[in-house]
Amino acid sequence: MSKRTNAEIVTYGLEDATVTARKISINNDLTSNFQITSPWGTATARINIPGVHNVTNALAAMSAGLSMGFSLEDLCSSLADIDLSPMRMESKNLKSGALVINDSYNANPTSMNAAIDTLLSSPRKHKYAVVGTMAELGSTSEEAHRQIGSRLTDHGIQWISVAEPKYGGEDVGSWEDALSFITGEKSQNSDAIILIKGSRIAELDQLADALD
C-alpha cells in the first residue's frame, strides 16, 4: 500500500514498525505496562483496560496522535484513563479478590480468541470461563464453537457454556445455572479470574452483574 500513495506512512505493531510496544508486562488486574518506541521518542506507558490485544489498539491510536502533532507524554498519560463501553472487557473485583472480566456485549471467533488470550496472560493461577453463543456465524457456527471449546480445554481452563452445546463441553440452560458453577469456591478464591463472554443474545451481562 505504501507504494500506492504519496502520504506519510506510519506503521504500528509489536515489531518491525514505526511505533512499537516492547517489554510488555501484564499486571494482576490485567492492565498492561509497556515501552513505546517511535521516531517521536521512547516512553513507558500503562493502559488501564484488560487485553494484550488492546496494547495493539493503543498503538494505533498513538500512531495517529503522534502523526497529528500530539506529544508522546500526553498520549501516554491518556492511556491510563480510558473509558470503554459497558460489557467490553469490563473488569470487576469481587469482595473475595477474584477478578471478573465481563466481555458479554458481543462475540465472534476473533474476539473470543482475543479474550482467551487475555485470560491466559493473567498471572492469576485459577482461570475460569463462562461462554455463551457466538451468533450469526452461519455455516461455520458448528466448527467455530467446537474450536473455541477445544482451546479452552487444551489450556486447562475450567469452563462452562450457556445454552450453546456446540462448544462440546458442559452446557447449562441459563445464566442462573452458570451462576451456580461460578459461586462458591471459584468466586471466593482471591487468585481467580473469571471470563464471561458471549453474544448479546446470551444475556451473560446478567451473570456478571449477579457476582459480587
C-alpha atoms as a PDB file:
ATOM      1  CA  MET A   1       0.000   0.000   0.000  1.00  0.00           C
ATOM      2  CA  SER A   2       2.856   2.385   0.800  1.00  0.00           C
ATOM      3  CA  LYS A   3       3.917   2.276  -2.855  1.00  0.00           C
ATOM      4  CA  ARG A   4       0.492   3.465  -3.998  1.00  0.00           C
ATOM      5  CA  THR A   5       0.319   6.722  -2.053  1.00  0.00           C
ATOM      6  CA  ASN A   6       2.308   9.892  -1.556  1.00  0.00           C
ATOM      7  CA  ALA A   7       1.035  10.213   2.011  1.00  0.00           C
ATOM      8  CA  GLU A   8       3.292   9.777   5.012  1.00  0.00           C
ATOM      9  CA  ILE A   9       3.208   6.140   6.125  1.00  0.00           C
ATOM     10  CA  VAL A  10       3.260   5.353   9.852  1.00  0.00           C
ATOM     11  CA  THR A  11       3.039   1.704  10.853  1.00  0.00           C
ATOM     12  CA  TYR A  12       2.426   0.209  14.275  1.00  0.00           C
ATOM     13  CA  GLY A  13       2.865  -3.203  15.835  1.00  0.00           C
ATOM     14  CA  LEU A  14       4.820  -5.310  18.271  1.00  0.00           C
ATOM     15  CA  GLU A  15       7.868  -5.447  15.982  1.00  0.00           C
ATOM     16  CA  ASP A  16       9.255  -4.003  12.751  1.00  0.00           C
ATOM     17  CA  ALA A  17       7.021  -0.916  12.800  1.00  0.00           C
ATOM     18  CA  THR A  18       7.303   2.847  13.104  1.00  0.00           C
ATOM     19  CA  VAL A  19       5.588   2.794  16.502  1.00  0.00           C
ATOM     20  CA  THR A  20       6.191  -0.340  18.553  1.00  0.00           C
ATOM     21  CA  ALA A  21       5.469  -1.710  22.012  1.00  0.00           C
ATOM     22  CA  ARG A  22       8.243  -3.539  23.827  1.00  0.00           C
ATOM     23  CA  LYS A  23       8.755  -5.034  27.290  1.00  0.00           C
ATOM     24  CA  ILE A  24       5.028  -5.740  27.729  1.00  0.00           C
ATOM     25  CA  SER A  25       4.089  -6.905  31.222  1.00  0.00           C
ATOM     26  CA  ILE A  26       0.633  -7.913  32.443  1.00  0.00           C
ATOM     27  CA  ASN A  27      -0.434  -6.877  35.935  1.00  0.00           C
ATOM     28  CA  ASN A  28      -2.650  -8.853  38.303  1.00  0.00           C
ATOM     29  CA  ASP A  29      -5.631  -6.668  37.327  1.00  0.00           C
ATOM     30  CA  LEU A  30      -4.875  -7.330  33.628  1.00  0.00           C
ATOM     31  CA  THR A  31      -3.726  -3.794  32.920  1.00  0.00           C
ATOM     32  CA  SER A  32      -0.552  -3.659  30.839  1.00  0.00           C
ATOM     33  CA  ASN A  33       2.722  -1.805  31.146  1.00  0.00           C
ATOM     34  CA  PHE A  34       4.918  -1.422  28.091  1.00  0.00           C
ATOM     35  CA  GLN A  35       7.578   0.698  26.452  1.00  0.00           C
ATOM     36  CA  ILE A  36       6.681   2.687  23.350  1.00  0.00           C
ATOM     37  CA  THR A  37       9.434   3.337  20.832  1.00  0.00           C
ATOM     38  CA  SER A  38       8.933   5.724  17.942  1.00  0.00           C
ATOM     39  CA  PRO A  39      10.627   8.466  15.903  1.00  0.00           C
ATOM     40  CA  TRP A  40       8.995  10.887  18.362  1.00  0.00           C
ATOM     41  CA  GLY A  41      10.806   9.340  21.310  1.00  0.00           C
ATOM     42  CA  THR A  42      10.605   6.481  23.783  1.00  0.00           C
ATOM     43  CA  ALA A  43       8.334   6.355  26.807  1.00  0.00           C
ATOM     44  CA  THR A  44       6.807   3.983  29.332  1.00  0.00           C
ATOM     45  CA  ALA A  45       3.030   3.631  29.274  1.00  0.00           C
ATOM     46  CA  ARG A  46       0.285   1.871  31.183  1.00  0.00           C
ATOM     47  CA  ILE A  47      -3.074   1.021  29.624  1.00  0.00           C
ATOM     48  CA  ASN A  48      -5.884   0.640  32.139  1.00  0.00           C
ATOM     49  CA  ILE A  49      -8.083  -1.799  30.194  1.00  0.00           C
ATOM     50  CA  PRO A  50      -7.590  -5.579  30.031  1.00  0.00           C
ATOM     51  CA  GLY A  51      -6.288  -7.387  27.000  1.00  0.00           C
ATOM     52  CA  VAL A  52      -2.953  -7.761  25.270  1.00  0.00           C
ATOM     53  CA  HIS A  53      -4.790  -7.017  22.022  1.00  0.00           C
ATOM     54  CA  ASN A  54      -5.650  -3.598  23.440  1.00  0.00           C
ATOM     55  CA  VAL A  55      -1.945  -2.762  23.518  1.00  0.00           C
ATOM     56  CA  THR A  56      -2.017  -3.031  19.726  1.00  0.00           C
ATOM     57  CA  ASN A  57      -5.197  -0.935  19.638  1.00  0.00           C
ATOM     58  CA  ALA A  58      -3.426   1.666  21.773  1.00  0.00           C
ATOM     59  CA  LEU A  59      -0.515   1.732  19.336  1.00  0.00           C
ATOM     60  CA  ALA A  60      -2.918   2.523  16.501  1.00  0.00           C
ATOM     61  CA  ALA A  61      -4.319   5.488  18.414  1.00  0.00           C
ATOM     62  CA  MET A  62      -0.843   6.608  19.479  1.00  0.00           C
ATOM     63  CA  SER A  63       0.398   6.477  15.885  1.00  0.00           C
ATOM     64  CA  ALA A  64      -2.448   8.684  14.705  1.00  0.00           C
ATOM     65  CA  GLY A  65      -1.964  11.114  17.574  1.00  0.00           C
ATOM     66  CA  LEU A  66       1.791  11.407  17.096  1.00  0.00           C
ATOM     67  CA  SER A  67       1.321  11.995  13.374  1.00  0.00           C
ATOM     68  CA  MET A  68      -1.096  14.820  14.184  1.00  0.00           C
ATOM     69  CA  GLY A  69       1.373  16.525  16.495  1.00  0.00           C
ATOM     70  CA  PHE A  70       0.222  15.431  19.940  1.00  0.00           C
ATOM     71  CA  SER A  71       3.018  14.936  22.446  1.00  0.00           C
ATOM     72  CA  LEU A  72       4.180  11.456  23.378  1.00  0.00           C
ATOM     73  CA  GLU A  73       3.850  12.272  27.091  1.00  0.00           C
ATOM     74  CA  ASP A  74       0.237  13.434  26.776  1.00  0.00           C
ATOM     75  CA  LEU A  75      -0.733  10.396  24.730  1.00  0.00           C
ATOM     76  CA  CYS A  76       0.883   8.006  27.211  1.00  0.00           C
ATOM     77  CA  SER A  77      -0.921   9.728  30.064  1.00  0.00           C
ATOM     78  CA  SER A  78      -4.275   9.319  28.320  1.00  0.00           C
ATOM     79  CA  LEU A  79      -3.819   5.539  28.043  1.00  0.00           C
ATOM     80  CA  ALA A  80      -4.118   5.216  31.808  1.00  0.00           C
ATOM     81  CA  ASP A  81      -7.618   6.738  31.808  1.00  0.00           C
ATOM     82  CA  ILE A  82      -9.574   5.028  29.018  1.00  0.00           C
ATOM     83  CA  ASP A  83     -13.344   4.589  29.338  1.00  0.00           C
ATOM     84  CA  LEU A  84     -14.806   1.698  27.364  1.00  0.00           C
ATOM     85  CA  SER A  85     -18.429   0.989  26.555  1.00  0.00           C
ATOM     86  CA  PRO A  86     -20.102  -1.273  29.141  1.00  0.00           C
ATOM     87  CA  MET A  87     -19.667  -5.038  28.761  1.00  0.00           C
ATOM     88  CA  ARG A  88     -16.498  -4.697  26.670  1.00  0.00           C
ATOM     89  CA  MET A  89     -13.555  -6.179  28.595  1.00  0.00           C
ATOM     90  CA  GLU A  90     -15.072  -4.624  31.700  1.00  0.00           C
ATOM     91  CA  SER A  91     -13.249  -5.705  34.860  1.00  0.00           C
ATOM     92  CA  LYS A  92     -14.762  -6.059  38.304  1.00  0.00           C
ATOM     93  CA  ASN A  93     -13.125  -7.116  41.549  1.00  0.00           C
ATOM     94  CA  LEU A  94     -15.285  -9.312  43.762  1.00  0.00           C
ATOM     95  CA  LYS A  95     -15.228  -8.972  47.539  1.00  0.00           C
ATOM     96  CA  SER A  96     -13.065 -12.085  47.681  1.00  0.00           C
ATOM     97  CA  GLY A  97     -10.426 -10.502  45.454  1.00  0.00           C
ATOM     98  CA  ALA A  98     -11.343 -12.619  42.423  1.00  0.00           C
ATOM     99  CA  LEU A  99     -11.386 -10.720  39.135  1.00  0.00           C
ATOM    100  CA  VAL A 100     -14.320 -10.877  36.693  1.00  0.00           C
ATOM    101  CA  ILE A 101     -13.884  -9.871  33.042  1.00  0.00           C
ATOM    102  CA  ASN A 102     -17.287  -9.037  31.566  1.00  0.00           C
ATOM    103  CA  ASP A 103     -16.974  -9.128  27.776  1.00  0.00           C
ATOM    104  CA  SER A 104     -20.597 -10.018  27.127  1.00  0.00           C
ATOM    105  CA  TYR A 105     -21.504  -7.312  24.603  1.00  0.00           C
ATOM    106  CA  ASN A 106     -20.693  -9.390  21.551  1.00  0.00           C
ATOM    107  CA  ALA A 107     -18.731 -12.444  20.438  1.00  0.00           C
ATOM    108  CA  ASN A 108     -17.208 -13.924  17.313  1.00  0.00           C
ATOM    109  CA  PRO A 109     -14.240 -16.273  16.869  1.00  0.00           C
ATOM    110  CA  THR A 110     -11.711 -13.429  16.649  1.00  0.00           C
ATOM    111  CA  SER A 111     -12.906 -11.598  19.761  1.00  0.00           C
ATOM    112  CA  MET A 112     -13.385 -14.877  21.636  1.00  0.00           C
ATOM    113  CA  ASN A 113      -9.791 -15.904  20.954  1.00  0.00           C
ATOM    114  CA  ALA A 114      -8.581 -12.443  21.995  1.00  0.00           C
ATOM    115  CA  ALA A 115     -10.499 -12.787  25.265  1.00  0.00           C
ATOM    116  CA  ILE A 116      -8.965 -16.222  25.839  1.00  0.00           C
ATOM    117  CA  ASP A 117      -5.514 -14.758  25.144  1.00  0.00           C
ATOM    118  CA  THR A 118      -6.243 -12.179  27.829  1.00  0.00           C
ATOM    119  CA  LEU A 119      -7.334 -14.877  30.270  1.00  0.00           C
ATOM    120  CA  LEU A 120      -4.182 -16.895  29.606  1.00  0.00           C
ATOM    121  CA  SER A 121      -1.951 -13.835  30.021  1.00  0.00           C
ATOM    122  CA  SER A 122      -3.180 -13.268  33.570  1.00  0.00           C
ATOM    123  CA  PRO A 123      -0.696 -14.091  36.342  1.00  0.00           C
ATOM    124  CA  ARG A 124      -3.657 -15.377  38.394  1.00  0.00           C
ATOM    125  CA  LYS A 125      -3.437 -19.118  38.940  1.00  0.00           C
ATOM    126  CA  HIS A 126      -7.106 -20.162  38.792  1.00  0.00           C
ATOM    127  CA  LYS A 127      -8.751 -19.462  35.429  1.00  0.00           C
ATOM    128  CA  TYR A 128     -12.448 -19.937  34.637  1.00  0.00           C
ATOM    129  CA  ALA A 129     -14.693 -19.072  31.708  1.00  0.00           C
ATOM    130  CA  VAL A 130     -18.429 -18.909  31.067  1.00  0.00           C
ATOM    131  CA  VAL A 131     -19.173 -18.685  27.353  1.00  0.00           C
ATOM    132  CA  GLY A 132     -22.406 -18.010  25.506  1.00  0.00           C
ATOM    133  CA  THR A 133     -23.245 -18.432  21.860  1.00  0.00           C
ATOM    134  CA  MET A 134     -21.381 -16.689  19.070  1.00  0.00           C
ATOM    135  CA  ALA A 135     -24.348 -15.598  16.986  1.00  0.00           C
ATOM    136  CA  GLU A 136     -24.779 -15.174  13.229  1.00  0.00           C
ATOM    137  CA  LEU A 137     -21.909 -17.409  12.096  1.00  0.00           C
ATOM    138  CA  GLY A 138     -23.973 -19.288   9.540  1.00  0.00           C
ATOM    139  CA  SER A 139     -22.489 -22.495   8.166  1.00  0.00           C
ATOM    140  CA  THR A 140     -19.250 -22.020  10.131  1.00  0.00           C
ATOM    141  CA  SER A 141     -21.010 -21.985  13.512  1.00  0.00           C
ATOM    142  CA  GLU A 142     -20.536 -25.647  14.433  1.00  0.00           C
ATOM    143  CA  GLU A 143     -16.806 -25.719  13.741  1.00  0.00           C
ATOM    144  CA  ALA A 144     -16.165 -22.265  15.229  1.00  0.00           C
ATOM    145  CA  HIS A 145     -17.782 -23.172  18.540  1.00  0.00           C
ATOM    146  CA  ARG A 146     -16.037 -26.544  18.659  1.00  0.00           C
ATOM    147  CA  GLN A 147     -12.630 -24.926  18.123  1.00  0.00           C
ATOM    148  CA  ILE A 148     -13.192 -22.468  20.972  1.00  0.00           C
ATOM    149  CA  GLY A 149     -14.313 -25.239  23.316  1.00  0.00           C
ATOM    150  CA  SER A 150     -11.256 -27.310  22.412  1.00  0.00           C
ATOM    151  CA  ARG A 151      -8.940 -24.375  23.007  1.00  0.00           C
ATOM    152  CA  LEU A 152     -10.376 -23.688  26.451  1.00  0.00           C
ATOM    153  CA  THR A 153      -9.945 -27.341  27.397  1.00  0.00           C
ATOM    154  CA  ASP A 154      -6.460 -27.670  25.907  1.00  0.00           C
ATOM    155  CA  HIS A 155      -5.228 -24.751  28.022  1.00  0.00           C
ATOM    156  CA  GLY A 156      -6.597 -26.185  31.254  1.00  0.00           C
ATOM    157  CA  ILE A 157      -9.252 -23.515  31.748  1.00  0.00           C
ATOM    158  CA  GLN A 158     -12.288 -24.664  33.720  1.00  0.00           C
ATOM    159  CA  TRP A 159     -15.268 -23.599  31.643  1.00  0.00           C
ATOM    160  CA  ILE A 160     -18.962 -23.992  31.012  1.00  0.00           C
ATOM    161  CA  SER A 161     -21.233 -22.891  28.178  1.00  0.00           C
ATOM    162  CA  VAL A 162     -24.706 -21.411  28.470  1.00  0.00           C
ATOM    163  CA  ALA A 163     -27.397 -22.674  26.088  1.00  0.00           C
ATOM    164  CA  GLU A 164     -24.826 -23.497  23.427  1.00  0.00           C
ATOM    165  CA  PRO A 165     -23.919 -27.212  23.238  1.00  0.00           C
ATOM    166  CA  LYS A 166     -21.860 -26.711  20.068  1.00  0.00           C
ATOM    167  CA  TYR A 167     -18.856 -25.836  22.247  1.00  0.00           C
ATOM    168  CA  GLY A 168     -18.689 -29.520  23.126  1.00  0.00           C
ATOM    169  CA  GLY A 169     -18.348 -29.250  26.896  1.00  0.00           C
ATOM    170  CA  GLU A 170     -20.609 -28.974  29.912  1.00  0.00           C
ATOM    171  CA  ASP A 171     -23.617 -26.877  28.928  1.00  0.00           C
ATOM    172  CA  VAL A 172     -26.323 -25.336  31.120  1.00  0.00           C
ATOM    173  CA  GLY A 173     -29.605 -23.769  30.134  1.00  0.00           C
ATOM    174  CA  SER A 174     -29.393 -20.289  31.643  1.00  0.00           C
ATOM    175  CA  TRP A 175     -27.121 -17.732  33.227  1.00  0.00           C
ATOM    176  CA  GLU A 176     -28.689 -18.580  36.588  1.00  0.00           C
ATOM    177  CA  ASP A 177     -27.415 -22.133  36.206  1.00  0.00           C
ATOM    178  CA  ALA A 178     -23.990 -20.781  35.308  1.00  0.00           C
ATOM    179  CA  LEU A 179     -24.053 -18.721  38.494  1.00  0.00           C
ATOM    180  CA  SER A 180     -24.065 -21.957  40.468  1.00  0.00           C
ATOM    181  CA  PHE A 181     -20.925 -23.019  38.579  1.00  0.00           C
ATOM    182  CA  ILE A 182     -19.124 -19.790  39.472  1.00  0.00           C
ATOM    183  CA  THR A 183     -20.239 -19.125  43.040  1.00  0.00           C
ATOM    184  CA  GLY A 184     -18.640 -20.911  45.933  1.00  0.00           C
ATOM    185  CA  GLU A 185     -15.011 -21.939  45.792  1.00  0.00           C
ATOM    186  CA  LYS A 186     -14.328 -20.420  42.367  1.00  0.00           C
ATOM    187  CA  SER A 187     -15.546 -16.905  43.117  1.00  0.00           C
ATOM    188  CA  GLN A 188     -14.138 -16.946  46.646  1.00  0.00           C
ATOM    189  CA  ASN A 189     -10.573 -17.630  45.541  1.00  0.00           C
ATOM    190  CA  SER A 190      -8.603 -14.389  45.629  1.00  0.00           C
ATOM    191  CA  ASP A 191      -6.277 -15.711  42.930  1.00  0.00           C
ATOM    192  CA  ALA A 192      -9.113 -16.481  40.489  1.00  0.00           C
ATOM    193  CA  ILE A 193     -10.020 -14.813  37.213  1.00  0.00           C
ATOM    194  CA  ILE A 194     -13.400 -15.413  35.577  1.00  0.00           C
ATOM    195  CA  LEU A 195     -14.074 -14.583  31.928  1.00  0.00           C
ATOM    196  CA  ILE A 196     -17.705 -14.041  30.893  1.00  0.00           C
ATOM    197  CA  LYS A 197     -18.041 -13.865  27.118  1.00  0.00           C
ATOM    198  CA  GLY A 198     -20.809 -14.283  24.541  1.00  0.00           C
ATOM    199  CA  SER A 199     -23.035 -12.511  22.058  1.00  0.00           C
ATOM    200  CA  ARG A 200     -25.655 -10.130  23.474  1.00  0.00           C
ATOM    201  CA  ILE A 201     -28.411 -12.661  22.860  1.00  0.00           C
ATOM    202  CA  ALA A 202     -26.870 -14.874  25.562  1.00  0.00           C
ATOM    203  CA  GLU A 203     -27.586 -12.187  28.209  1.00  0.00           C
ATOM    204  CA  LEU A 204     -24.462 -13.068  30.166  1.00  0.00           C
ATOM    205  CA  ASP A 205     -24.232  -9.496  31.433  1.00  0.00           C
ATOM    206  CA  GLN A 206     -26.830 -10.578  33.986  1.00  0.00           C
ATOM    207  CA  LEU A 207     -24.405 -13.206  35.264  1.00  0.00           C
ATOM    208  CA  ALA A 208     -21.652 -10.613  35.608  1.00  0.00           C
ATOM    209  CA  ASP A 209     -23.999  -8.268  37.473  1.00  0.00           C
ATOM    210  CA  ALA A 210     -25.029 -11.061  39.865  1.00  0.00           C
ATOM    211  CA  LEU A 211     -21.468 -11.676  41.024  1.00  0.00           C
ATOM    212  CA  ASP A 212     -20.234  -9.600  43.935  1.00  0.00           C
END
